[in-house]
Amino acid sequence: MGITNKQPRDVAERIALRRTARTGNETADFWRRESFCMPREQARVKAREWFDRYPKAAYMTEIEFWRELSDGQIEFVMRRLPTAD
């Protein structure tokens, strides 16, 4: 039996497929999301806090969406896995 190198994304996709099979609902997902809207510098600080608190390697933390509003504020959504299991 060969050794397989599983990436966190592979594990997450497998979990999502199991959840879909169990619930029958493709829109059900397991990500924790939080939305923010703040000035650019504060947005950078907030994103860095998330990456420090929930390291990407363990929680697959990422900025899922962002945009600059007409008033110069940054609207963004951070997402992560709920645990590092």
PDB file of N, CA and C in Angstrom:
ATOM      1  N   MET A   1       0.844  -1.173   0.000  1.00  0.00           N
ATOM      2  CA  MET A   1       0.000   0.000   0.000  1.00  0.00           C
ATOM      3  C   MET A   1       0.890   1.238   0.000  1.00  0.00           C
ATOM      4  N   GLY A   2       0.707   2.115  -0.966  1.00  0.00           N
ATOM      5  CA  GLY A   2       1.553   3.284  -1.103  1.00  0.00           C
ATOM      6  C   GLY A   2       1.175   4.391  -0.140  1.00  0.00           C
ATOM      7  N   ILE A   3       2.111   5.267   0.094  1.00  0.00           N
ATOM      8  CA  ILE A   3       1.878   6.423   0.947  1.00  0.00           C
ATOM      9  C   ILE A   3       1.298   7.533   0.080  1.00  0.00           C
ATOM     10  N   THR A   4       0.226   8.122   0.552  1.00  0.00           N
ATOM     11  CA  THR A   4      -0.360   9.232  -0.192  1.00  0.00           C
ATOM     12  C   THR A   4      -0.139  10.518   0.580  1.00  0.00           C
ATOM     13  N   ASN A   5       0.178  11.556  -0.133  1.00  0.00           N
ATOM     14  CA  ASN A   5       0.358  12.871   0.481  1.00  0.00           C
ATOM     15  C   ASN A   5      -0.949  13.629   0.352  1.00  0.00           C
ATOM     16  N   LYS A   6      -1.666  13.742   1.431  1.00  0.00           N
ATOM     17  CA  LYS A   6      -2.936  14.447   1.411  1.00  0.00           C
ATOM     18  C   LYS A   6      -2.730  15.887   1.849  1.00  0.00           C
ATOM     19  N   GLN A   7      -3.254  16.767   1.052  1.00  0.00           N
ATOM     20  CA  GLN A   7      -3.213  18.183   1.367  1.00  0.00           C
ATOM     21  C   GLN A   7      -4.443  18.534   2.191  1.00  0.00           C
ATOM     22  N   PRO A   8      -4.398  19.610   2.980  1.00  0.00           N
ATOM     23  CA  PRO A   8      -5.578  20.014   3.750  1.00  0.00           C
ATOM     24  C   PRO A   8      -6.813  20.185   2.867  1.00  0.00           C
ATOM     25  N   ARG A   9      -6.617  20.687   1.657  1.00  0.00           N
ATOM     26  CA  ARG A   9      -7.753  20.871   0.748  1.00  0.00           C
ATOM     27  C   ARG A   9      -8.392  19.521   0.401  1.00  0.00           C
ATOM     28  N   ASP A  10      -7.571  18.475   0.228  1.00  0.00           N
ATOM     29  CA  ASP A  10      -8.096  17.145  -0.073  1.00  0.00           C
ATOM     30  C   ASP A  10      -8.980  16.644   1.062  1.00  0.00           C
ATOM     31  N   VAL A  11      -8.506  16.847   2.267  1.00  0.00           N
ATOM     32  CA  VAL A  11      -9.272  16.429   3.441  1.00  0.00           C
ATOM     33  C   VAL A  11     -10.578  17.216   3.523  1.00  0.00           C
ATOM     34  N   ALA A  12     -10.498  18.528   3.304  1.00  0.00           N
ATOM     35  CA  ALA A  12     -11.694  19.370   3.364  1.00  0.00           C
ATOM     36  C   ALA A  12     -12.714  18.962   2.306  1.00  0.00           C
ATOM     37  N   GLU A  13     -12.241  18.658   1.106  1.00  0.00           N
ATOM     38  CA  GLU A  13     -13.161  18.239   0.048  1.00  0.00           C
ATOM     39  C   GLU A  13     -13.828  16.911   0.396  1.00  0.00           C
ATOM     40  N   ARG A  14     -13.068  15.987   0.964  1.00  0.00           N
ATOM     41  CA  ARG A  14     -13.636  14.702   1.372  1.00  0.00           C
ATOM     42  C   ARG A  14     -14.704  14.890   2.449  1.00  0.00           C
ATOM     43  N   ILE A  15     -14.429  15.773   3.393  1.00  0.00           N
ATOM     44  CA  ILE A  15     -15.409  16.054   4.444  1.00  0.00           C
ATOM     45  C   ILE A  15     -16.660  16.676   3.840  1.00  0.00           C
ATOM     46  N   ALA A  16     -16.477  17.595   2.902  1.00  0.00           N
ATOM     47  CA  ALA A  16     -17.630  18.234   2.255  1.00  0.00           C
ATOM     48  C   ALA A  16     -18.467  17.215   1.505  1.00  0.00           C
ATOM     49  N   LEU A  17     -17.816  16.296   0.806  1.00  0.00           N
ATOM     50  CA  LEU A  17     -18.558  15.263   0.079  1.00  0.00           C
ATOM     51  C   LEU A  17     -19.353  14.375   1.030  1.00  0.00           C
ATOM     52  N   ARG A  18     -18.749  14.025   2.150  1.00  0.00           N
ATOM     53  CA  ARG A  18     -19.470  13.221   3.146  1.00  0.00           C
ATOM     54  C   ARG A  18     -20.676  13.971   3.698  1.00  0.00           C
ATOM     55  N   ARG A  19     -20.479  15.255   3.980  1.00  0.00           N
ATOM     56  CA  ARG A  19     -21.583  16.055   4.506  1.00  0.00           C
ATOM     57  C   ARG A  19     -22.712  16.154   3.486  1.00  0.00           C
ATOM     58  N   THR A  20     -22.363  16.374   2.222  1.00  0.00           N
ATOM     59  CA  THR A  20     -23.382  16.460   1.169  1.00  0.00           C
ATOM     60  C   THR A  20     -24.136  15.140   1.071  1.00  0.00           C
ATOM     61  N   ALA A  21     -23.412  14.022   1.114  1.00  0.00           N
ATOM     62  CA  ALA A  21     -24.058  12.713   1.036  1.00  0.00           C
ATOM     63  C   ALA A  21     -24.983  12.492   2.228  1.00  0.00           C
ATOM     64  N   ARG A  22     -24.557  12.960   3.393  1.00  0.00           N
ATOM     65  CA  ARG A  22     -25.339  12.760   4.617  1.00  0.00           C
ATOM     66  C   ARG A  22     -26.560  13.674   4.650  1.00  0.00           C
ATOM     67  N   THR A  23     -26.410  14.938   4.239  1.00  0.00           N
ATOM     68  CA  THR A  23     -27.506  15.895   4.345  1.00  0.00           C
ATOM     69  C   THR A  23     -28.307  16.015   3.060  1.00  0.00           C
ATOM     70  N   GLY A  24     -27.693  15.619   1.937  1.00  0.00           N
ATOM     71  CA  GLY A  24     -28.352  15.771   0.650  1.00  0.00           C
ATOM     72  C   GLY A  24     -28.417  17.221   0.202  1.00  0.00           C
ATOM     73  N   ASN A  25     -27.645  18.078   0.855  1.00  0.00           N
ATOM     74  CA  ASN A  25     -27.691  19.500   0.573  1.00  0.00           C
ATOM     75  C   ASN A  25     -26.297  19.981   0.187  1.00  0.00           C
ATOM     76  N   GLU A  26     -26.113  20.305  -1.091  1.00  0.00           N
ATOM     77  CA  GLU A  26     -24.801  20.749  -1.546  1.00  0.00           C
ATOM     78  C   GLU A  26     -24.421  22.119  -1.004  1.00  0.00           C
ATOM     79  N   THR A  27     -25.410  22.914  -0.614  1.00  0.00           N
ATOM     80  CA  THR A  27     -25.088  24.251  -0.123  1.00  0.00           C
ATOM     81  C   THR A  27     -24.636  24.239   1.330  1.00  0.00           C
ATOM     82  N   ALA A  28     -24.873  23.127   2.037  1.00  0.00           N
ATOM     83  CA  ALA A  28     -24.402  23.037   3.422  1.00  0.00           C
ATOM     84  C   ALA A  28     -22.878  22.943   3.392  1.00  0.00           C
ATOM     85  N   ASP A  29     -22.218  23.845   4.062  1.00  0.00           N
ATOM     86  CA  ASP A  29     -20.772  23.742   4.136  1.00  0.00           C
ATOM     87  C   ASP A  29     -20.322  23.920   5.571  1.00  0.00           C
ATOM     88  N   PHE A  30     -19.071  23.726   5.775  1.00  0.00           N
ATOM     89  CA  PHE A  30     -18.536  23.661   7.128  1.00  0.00           C
ATOM     90  C   PHE A  30     -17.625  24.822   7.456  1.00  0.00           C
ATOM     91  N   TRP A  31     -17.528  25.801   6.592  1.00  0.00           N
ATOM     92  CA  TRP A  31     -16.644  26.936   6.808  1.00  0.00           C
ATOM     93  C   TRP A  31     -17.229  27.902   7.832  1.00  0.00           C
ATOM     94  N   ARG A  32     -16.357  28.487   8.624  1.00  0.00           N
ATOM     95  CA  ARG A  32     -16.734  29.593   9.506  1.00  0.00           C
ATOM     96  C   ARG A  32     -16.370  30.867   8.763  1.00  0.00           C
ATOM     97  N   ARG A  33     -17.325  31.765   8.643  1.00  0.00           N
ATOM     98  CA  ARG A  33     -17.089  33.010   7.917  1.00  0.00           C
ATOM     99  C   ARG A  33     -17.420  34.202   8.800  1.00  0.00           C
ATOM    100  N   GLU A  34     -16.695  35.278   8.559  1.00  0.00           N
ATOM    101  CA  GLU A  34     -17.012  36.526   9.231  1.00  0.00           C
ATOM    102  C   GLU A  34     -16.754  37.659   8.238  1.00  0.00           C
ATOM    103  N   SER A  35     -17.712  38.571   8.161  1.00  0.00           N
ATOM    104  CA  SER A  35     -17.623  39.705   7.236  1.00  0.00           C
ATOM    105  C   SER A  35     -17.190  40.957   7.975  1.00  0.00           C
ATOM    106  N   PHE A  36     -16.437  41.791   7.282  1.00  0.00           N
ATOM    107  CA  PHE A  36     -15.941  43.036   7.853  1.00  0.00           C
ATOM    108  C   PHE A  36     -16.050  44.147   6.821  1.00  0.00           C
ATOM    109  N   CYS A  37     -16.149  45.361   7.298  1.00  0.00           N
ATOM    110  CA  CYS A  37     -16.109  46.546   6.447  1.00  0.00           C
ATOM    111  C   CYS A  37     -15.407  47.632   7.257  1.00  0.00           C
ATOM    112  N   MET A  38     -14.217  48.026   6.805  1.00  0.00           N
ATOM    113  CA  MET A  38     -13.407  48.978   7.567  1.00  0.00           C
ATOM    114  C   MET A  38     -12.385  49.634   6.661  1.00  0.00           C
ATOM    115  N   PRO A  39     -11.743  50.700   7.148  1.00  0.00           N
ATOM    116  CA  PRO A  39     -10.682  51.342   6.368  1.00  0.00           C
ATOM    117  C   PRO A  39      -9.554  50.355   6.047  1.00  0.00           C
ATOM    118  N   ARG A  40      -8.845  50.627   4.957  1.00  0.00           N
ATOM    119  CA  ARG A  40      -7.824  49.706   4.449  1.00  0.00           C
ATOM    120  C   ARG A  40      -6.823  49.247   5.517  1.00  0.00           C
ATOM    121  N   GLU A  41      -6.247  50.165   6.269  1.00  0.00           N
ATOM    122  CA  GLU A  41      -5.237  49.764   7.265  1.00  0.00           C
ATOM    123  C   GLU A  41      -5.834  48.883   8.351  1.00  0.00           C
ATOM    124  N   GLN A  42      -7.034  49.198   8.806  1.00  0.00           N
ATOM    125  CA  GLN A  42      -7.690  48.360   9.810  1.00  0.00           C
ATOM    126  C   GLN A  42      -8.013  46.990   9.230  1.00  0.00           C
ATOM    127  N   ALA A  43      -8.386  46.949   7.951  1.00  0.00           N
ATOM    128  CA  ALA A  43      -8.681  45.672   7.288  1.00  0.00           C
ATOM    129  C   ALA A  43      -7.426  44.798   7.249  1.00  0.00           C
ATOM    130  N   ARG A  44      -6.294  45.404   6.956  1.00  0.00           N
ATOM    131  CA  ARG A  44      -5.035  44.642   6.944  1.00  0.00           C
ATOM    132  C   ARG A  44      -4.722  44.071   8.319  1.00  0.00           C
ATOM    133  N   VAL A  45      -4.923  44.888   9.351  1.00  0.00           N
ATOM    134  CA  VAL A  45      -4.661  44.437  10.715  1.00  0.00           C
ATOM    135  C   VAL A  45      -5.605  43.289  11.080  1.00  0.00           C
ATOM    136  N   LYS A  46      -6.882  43.420  10.736  1.00  0.00           N
ATOM    137  CA  LYS A  46      -7.868  42.387  11.060  1.00  0.00           C
ATOM    138  C   LYS A  46      -7.534  41.078  10.343  1.00  0.00           C
ATOM    139  N   ALA A  47      -7.184  41.156   9.066  1.00  0.00           N
ATOM    140  CA  ALA A  47      -6.827  39.950   8.315  1.00  0.00           C
ATOM    141  C   ALA A  47      -5.593  39.290   8.941  1.00  0.00           C
ATOM    142  N   ARG A  48      -4.583  40.090   9.315  1.00  0.00           N
ATOM    143  CA  ARG A  48      -3.382  39.544   9.949  1.00  0.00           C
ATOM    144  C   ARG A  48      -3.724  38.865  11.270  1.00  0.00           C
ATOM    145  N   GLU A  49      -4.652  39.447  12.055  1.00  0.00           N
ATOM    146  CA  GLU A  49      -5.097  38.823  13.309  1.00  0.00           C
ATOM    147  C   GLU A  49      -5.673  37.435  13.041  1.00  0.00           C
ATOM    148  N   TRP A  50      -6.493  37.340  12.012  1.00  0.00           N
ATOM    149  CA  TRP A  50      -7.089  36.043  11.664  1.00  0.00           C
ATOM    150  C   TRP A  50      -6.018  35.034  11.283  1.00  0.00           C
ATOM    151  N   PHE A  51      -5.065  35.441  10.440  1.00  0.00           N
ATOM    152  CA  PHE A  51      -4.016  34.515  10.018  1.00  0.00           C
ATOM    153  C   PHE A  51      -3.117  34.117  11.183  1.00  0.00           C
ATOM    154  N   ASP A  52      -2.903  35.024  12.126  1.00  0.00           N
ATOM    155  CA  ASP A  52      -2.112  34.692  13.312  1.00  0.00           C
ATOM    156  C   ASP A  52      -2.874  33.757  14.246  1.00  0.00           C
ATOM    157  N   ARG A  53      -4.147  34.034  14.432  1.00  0.00           N
ATOM    158  CA  ARG A  53      -4.963  33.227  15.351  1.00  0.00           C
ATOM    159  C   ARG A  53      -5.330  31.876  14.760  1.00  0.00           C
ATOM    160  N   TYR A  54      -5.605  31.835  13.458  1.00  0.00           N
ATOM    161  CA  TYR A  54      -6.003  30.609  12.766  1.00  0.00           C
ATOM    162  C   TYR A  54      -5.024  30.368  11.614  1.00  0.00           C
ATOM    163  N   PRO A  55      -3.883  29.767  11.884  1.00  0.00           N
ATOM    164  CA  PRO A  55      -2.863  29.578  10.838  1.00  0.00           C
ATOM    165  C   PRO A  55      -3.423  28.856   9.614  1.00  0.00           C
ATOM    166  N   LYS A  56      -3.026  29.322   8.459  1.00  0.00           N
ATOM    167  CA  LYS A  56      -3.531  28.786   7.198  1.00  0.00           C
ATOM    168  C   LYS A  56      -3.299  27.278   7.087  1.00  0.00           C
ATOM    169  N   ALA A  57      -2.151  26.802   7.538  1.00  0.00           N
ATOM    170  CA  ALA A  57      -1.835  25.379   7.415  1.00  0.00           C
ATOM    171  C   ALA A  57      -2.810  24.492   8.193  1.00  0.00           C
ATOM    172  N   ALA A  58      -3.306  24.978   9.307  1.00  0.00           N
ATOM    173  CA  ALA A  58      -4.199  24.170  10.136  1.00  0.00           C
ATOM    174  C   ALA A  58      -5.676  24.433   9.866  1.00  0.00           C
ATOM    175  N   TYR A  59      -6.028  25.674   9.574  1.00  0.00           N
ATOM    176  CA  TYR A  59      -7.436  26.051   9.442  1.00  0.00           C
ATOM    177  C   TYR A  59      -7.847  26.416   8.021  1.00  0.00           C
ATOM    178  N   MET A  60      -6.898  26.384   7.090  1.00  0.00           N
ATOM    179  CA  MET A  60      -7.154  26.787   5.701  1.00  0.00           C
ATOM    180  C   MET A  60      -7.760  28.193   5.637  1.00  0.00           C
ATOM    181  N   THR A  61      -7.300  29.055   6.509  1.00  0.00           N
ATOM    182  CA  THR A  61      -7.785  30.429   6.581  1.00  0.00           C
ATOM    183  C   THR A  61      -7.492  31.162   5.285  1.00  0.00           C
ATOM    184  N   GLU A  62      -8.474  31.941   4.828  1.00  0.00           N
ATOM    185  CA  GLU A  62      -8.253  32.746   3.635  1.00  0.00           C
ATOM    186  C   GLU A  62      -9.222  33.915   3.582  1.00  0.00           C
ATOM    187  N   ILE A  63      -8.857  34.892   2.780  1.00  0.00           N
ATOM    188  CA  ILE A  63      -9.776  35.979   2.469  1.00  0.00           C
ATOM    189  C   ILE A  63     -10.606  35.474   1.302  1.00  0.00           C
ATOM    190  N   GLU A  64     -11.856  35.185   1.569  1.00  0.00           N
ATOM    191  CA  GLU A  64     -12.719  34.579   0.556  1.00  0.00           C
ATOM    192  C   GLU A  64     -13.159  35.594  -0.500  1.00  0.00           C
ATOM    193  N   PHE A  65     -13.387  36.814  -0.059  1.00  0.00           N
ATOM    194  CA  PHE A  65     -13.893  37.845  -0.954  1.00  0.00           C
ATOM    195  C   PHE A  65     -13.476  39.194  -0.413  1.00  0.00           C
ATOM    196  N   TRP A  66     -13.174  40.124  -1.310  1.00  0.00           N
ATOM    197  CA  TRP A  66     -12.934  41.497  -0.866  1.00  0.00           C
ATOM    198  C   TRP A  66     -13.229  42.443  -2.018  1.00  0.00           C
ATOM    199  N   ARG A  67     -13.560  43.682  -1.633  1.00  0.00           N
ATOM    200  CA  ARG A  67     -13.754  44.741  -2.618  1.00  0.00           C
ATOM    201  C   ARG A  67     -13.576  46.088  -1.933  1.00  0.00           C
ATOM    202  N   GLU A  68     -13.196  47.074  -2.735  1.00  0.00           N
ATOM    203  CA  GLU A  68     -13.061  48.428  -2.226  1.00  0.00           C
ATOM    204  C   GLU A  68     -14.347  49.178  -2.547  1.00  0.00           C
ATOM    205  N   LEU A  69     -14.950  49.772  -1.533  1.00  0.00           N
ATOM    206  CA  LEU A  69     -16.187  50.521  -1.710  1.00  0.00           C
ATOM    207  C   LEU A  69     -15.884  51.941  -2.176  1.00  0.00           C
ATOM    208  N   SER A  70     -16.893  52.630  -2.651  1.00  0.00           N
ATOM    209  CA  SER A  70     -16.696  53.979  -3.191  1.00  0.00           C
ATOM    210  C   SER A  70     -16.161  54.964  -2.147  1.00  0.00           C
ATOM    211  N   ASP A  71     -16.430  54.692  -0.866  1.00  0.00           N
ATOM    212  CA  ASP A  71     -15.933  55.584   0.193  1.00  0.00           C
ATOM    213  C   ASP A  71     -14.522  55.211   0.657  1.00  0.00           C
ATOM    214  N   GLY A  72     -13.898  54.243  -0.031  1.00  0.00           N
ATOM    215  CA  GLY A  72     -12.534  53.854   0.301  1.00  0.00           C
ATOM    216  C   GLY A  72     -12.431  52.727   1.319  1.00  0.00           C
ATOM    217  N   GLN A  73     -13.539  52.333   1.903  1.00  0.00           N
ATOM    218  CA  GLN A  73     -13.524  51.230   2.865  1.00  0.00           C
ATOM    219  C   GLN A  73     -13.348  49.906   2.126  1.00  0.00           C
ATOM    220  N   ILE A  74     -12.843  48.922   2.845  1.00  0.00           N
ATOM    221  CA  ILE A  74     -12.664  47.584   2.295  1.00  0.00           C
ATOM    222  C   ILE A  74     -13.709  46.671   2.936  1.00  0.00           C
ATOM    223  N   GLU A  75     -14.469  46.018   2.104  1.00  0.00           N
ATOM    224  CA  GLU A  75     -15.431  45.018   2.564  1.00  0.00           C
ATOM    225  C   GLU A  75     -14.807  43.663   2.235  1.00  0.00           C
ATOM    226  N   PHE A  76     -14.745  42.774   3.226  1.00  0.00           N
ATOM    227  CA  PHE A  76     -14.131  41.475   2.974  1.00  0.00           C
ATOM    228  C   PHE A  76     -14.725  40.405   3.870  1.00  0.00           C
ATOM    229  N   VAL A  77     -14.554  39.161   3.431  1.00  0.00           N
ATOM    230  CA  VAL A  77     -15.044  38.000   4.163  1.00  0.00           C
ATOM    231  C   VAL A  77     -13.852  37.095   4.430  1.00  0.00           C
ATOM    232  N   MET A  78     -13.644  36.773   5.696  1.00  0.00           N
ATOM    233  CA  MET A  78     -12.614  35.819   6.099  1.00  0.00           C
ATOM    234  C   MET A  78     -13.298  34.477   6.323  1.00  0.00           C
ATOM    235  N   ARG A  79     -12.627  33.398   5.920  1.00  0.00           N
ATOM    236  CA  ARG A  79     -13.190  32.075   6.186  1.00  0.00           C
ATOM    237  C   ARG A  79     -12.101  31.154   6.691  1.00  0.00           C
ATOM    238  N   ARG A  80     -12.547  30.176   7.484  1.00  0.00           N
ATOM    239  CA  ARG A  80     -11.619  29.182   8.061  1.00  0.00           C
ATOM    240  C   ARG A  80     -12.392  27.931   8.409  1.00  0.00           C
ATOM    241  N   LEU A  81     -11.681  26.850   8.607  1.00  0.00           N
ATOM    242  CA  LEU A  81     -12.301  25.639   9.124  1.00  0.00           C
ATOM    243  C   LEU A  81     -12.570  25.842  10.606  1.00  0.00           C
ATOM    244  N   PRO A  82     -13.596  25.191  11.134  1.00  0.00           N
ATOM    245  CA  PRO A  82     -13.917  25.396  12.549  1.00  0.00           C
ATOM    246  C   PRO A  82     -12.877  24.825  13.506  1.00  0.00           C
ATOM    247  N   THR A  83     -12.181  23.780  13.125  1.00  0.00           N
ATOM    248  CA  THR A  83     -11.143  23.201  13.998  1.00  0.00           C
ATOM    249  C   THR A  83      -9.972  22.764  13.143  1.00  0.00           C
ATOM    250  N   ALA A  84      -8.891  22.414  13.798  1.00  0.00           N
ATOM    251  CA  ALA A  84      -7.697  21.960  13.087  1.00  0.00           C
ATOM    252  C   ALA A  84      -7.596  20.448  13.086  1.00  0.00           C
ATOM    253  N   ASP A  85      -8.682  19.760  13.316  1.00  0.00           N
ATOM    254  CA  ASP A  85      -8.667  18.289  13.342  1.00  0.00           C
ATOM    255  C   ASP A  85      -8.399  17.693  11.991  1.00  0.00           C
TER     256      ASP A  85
END
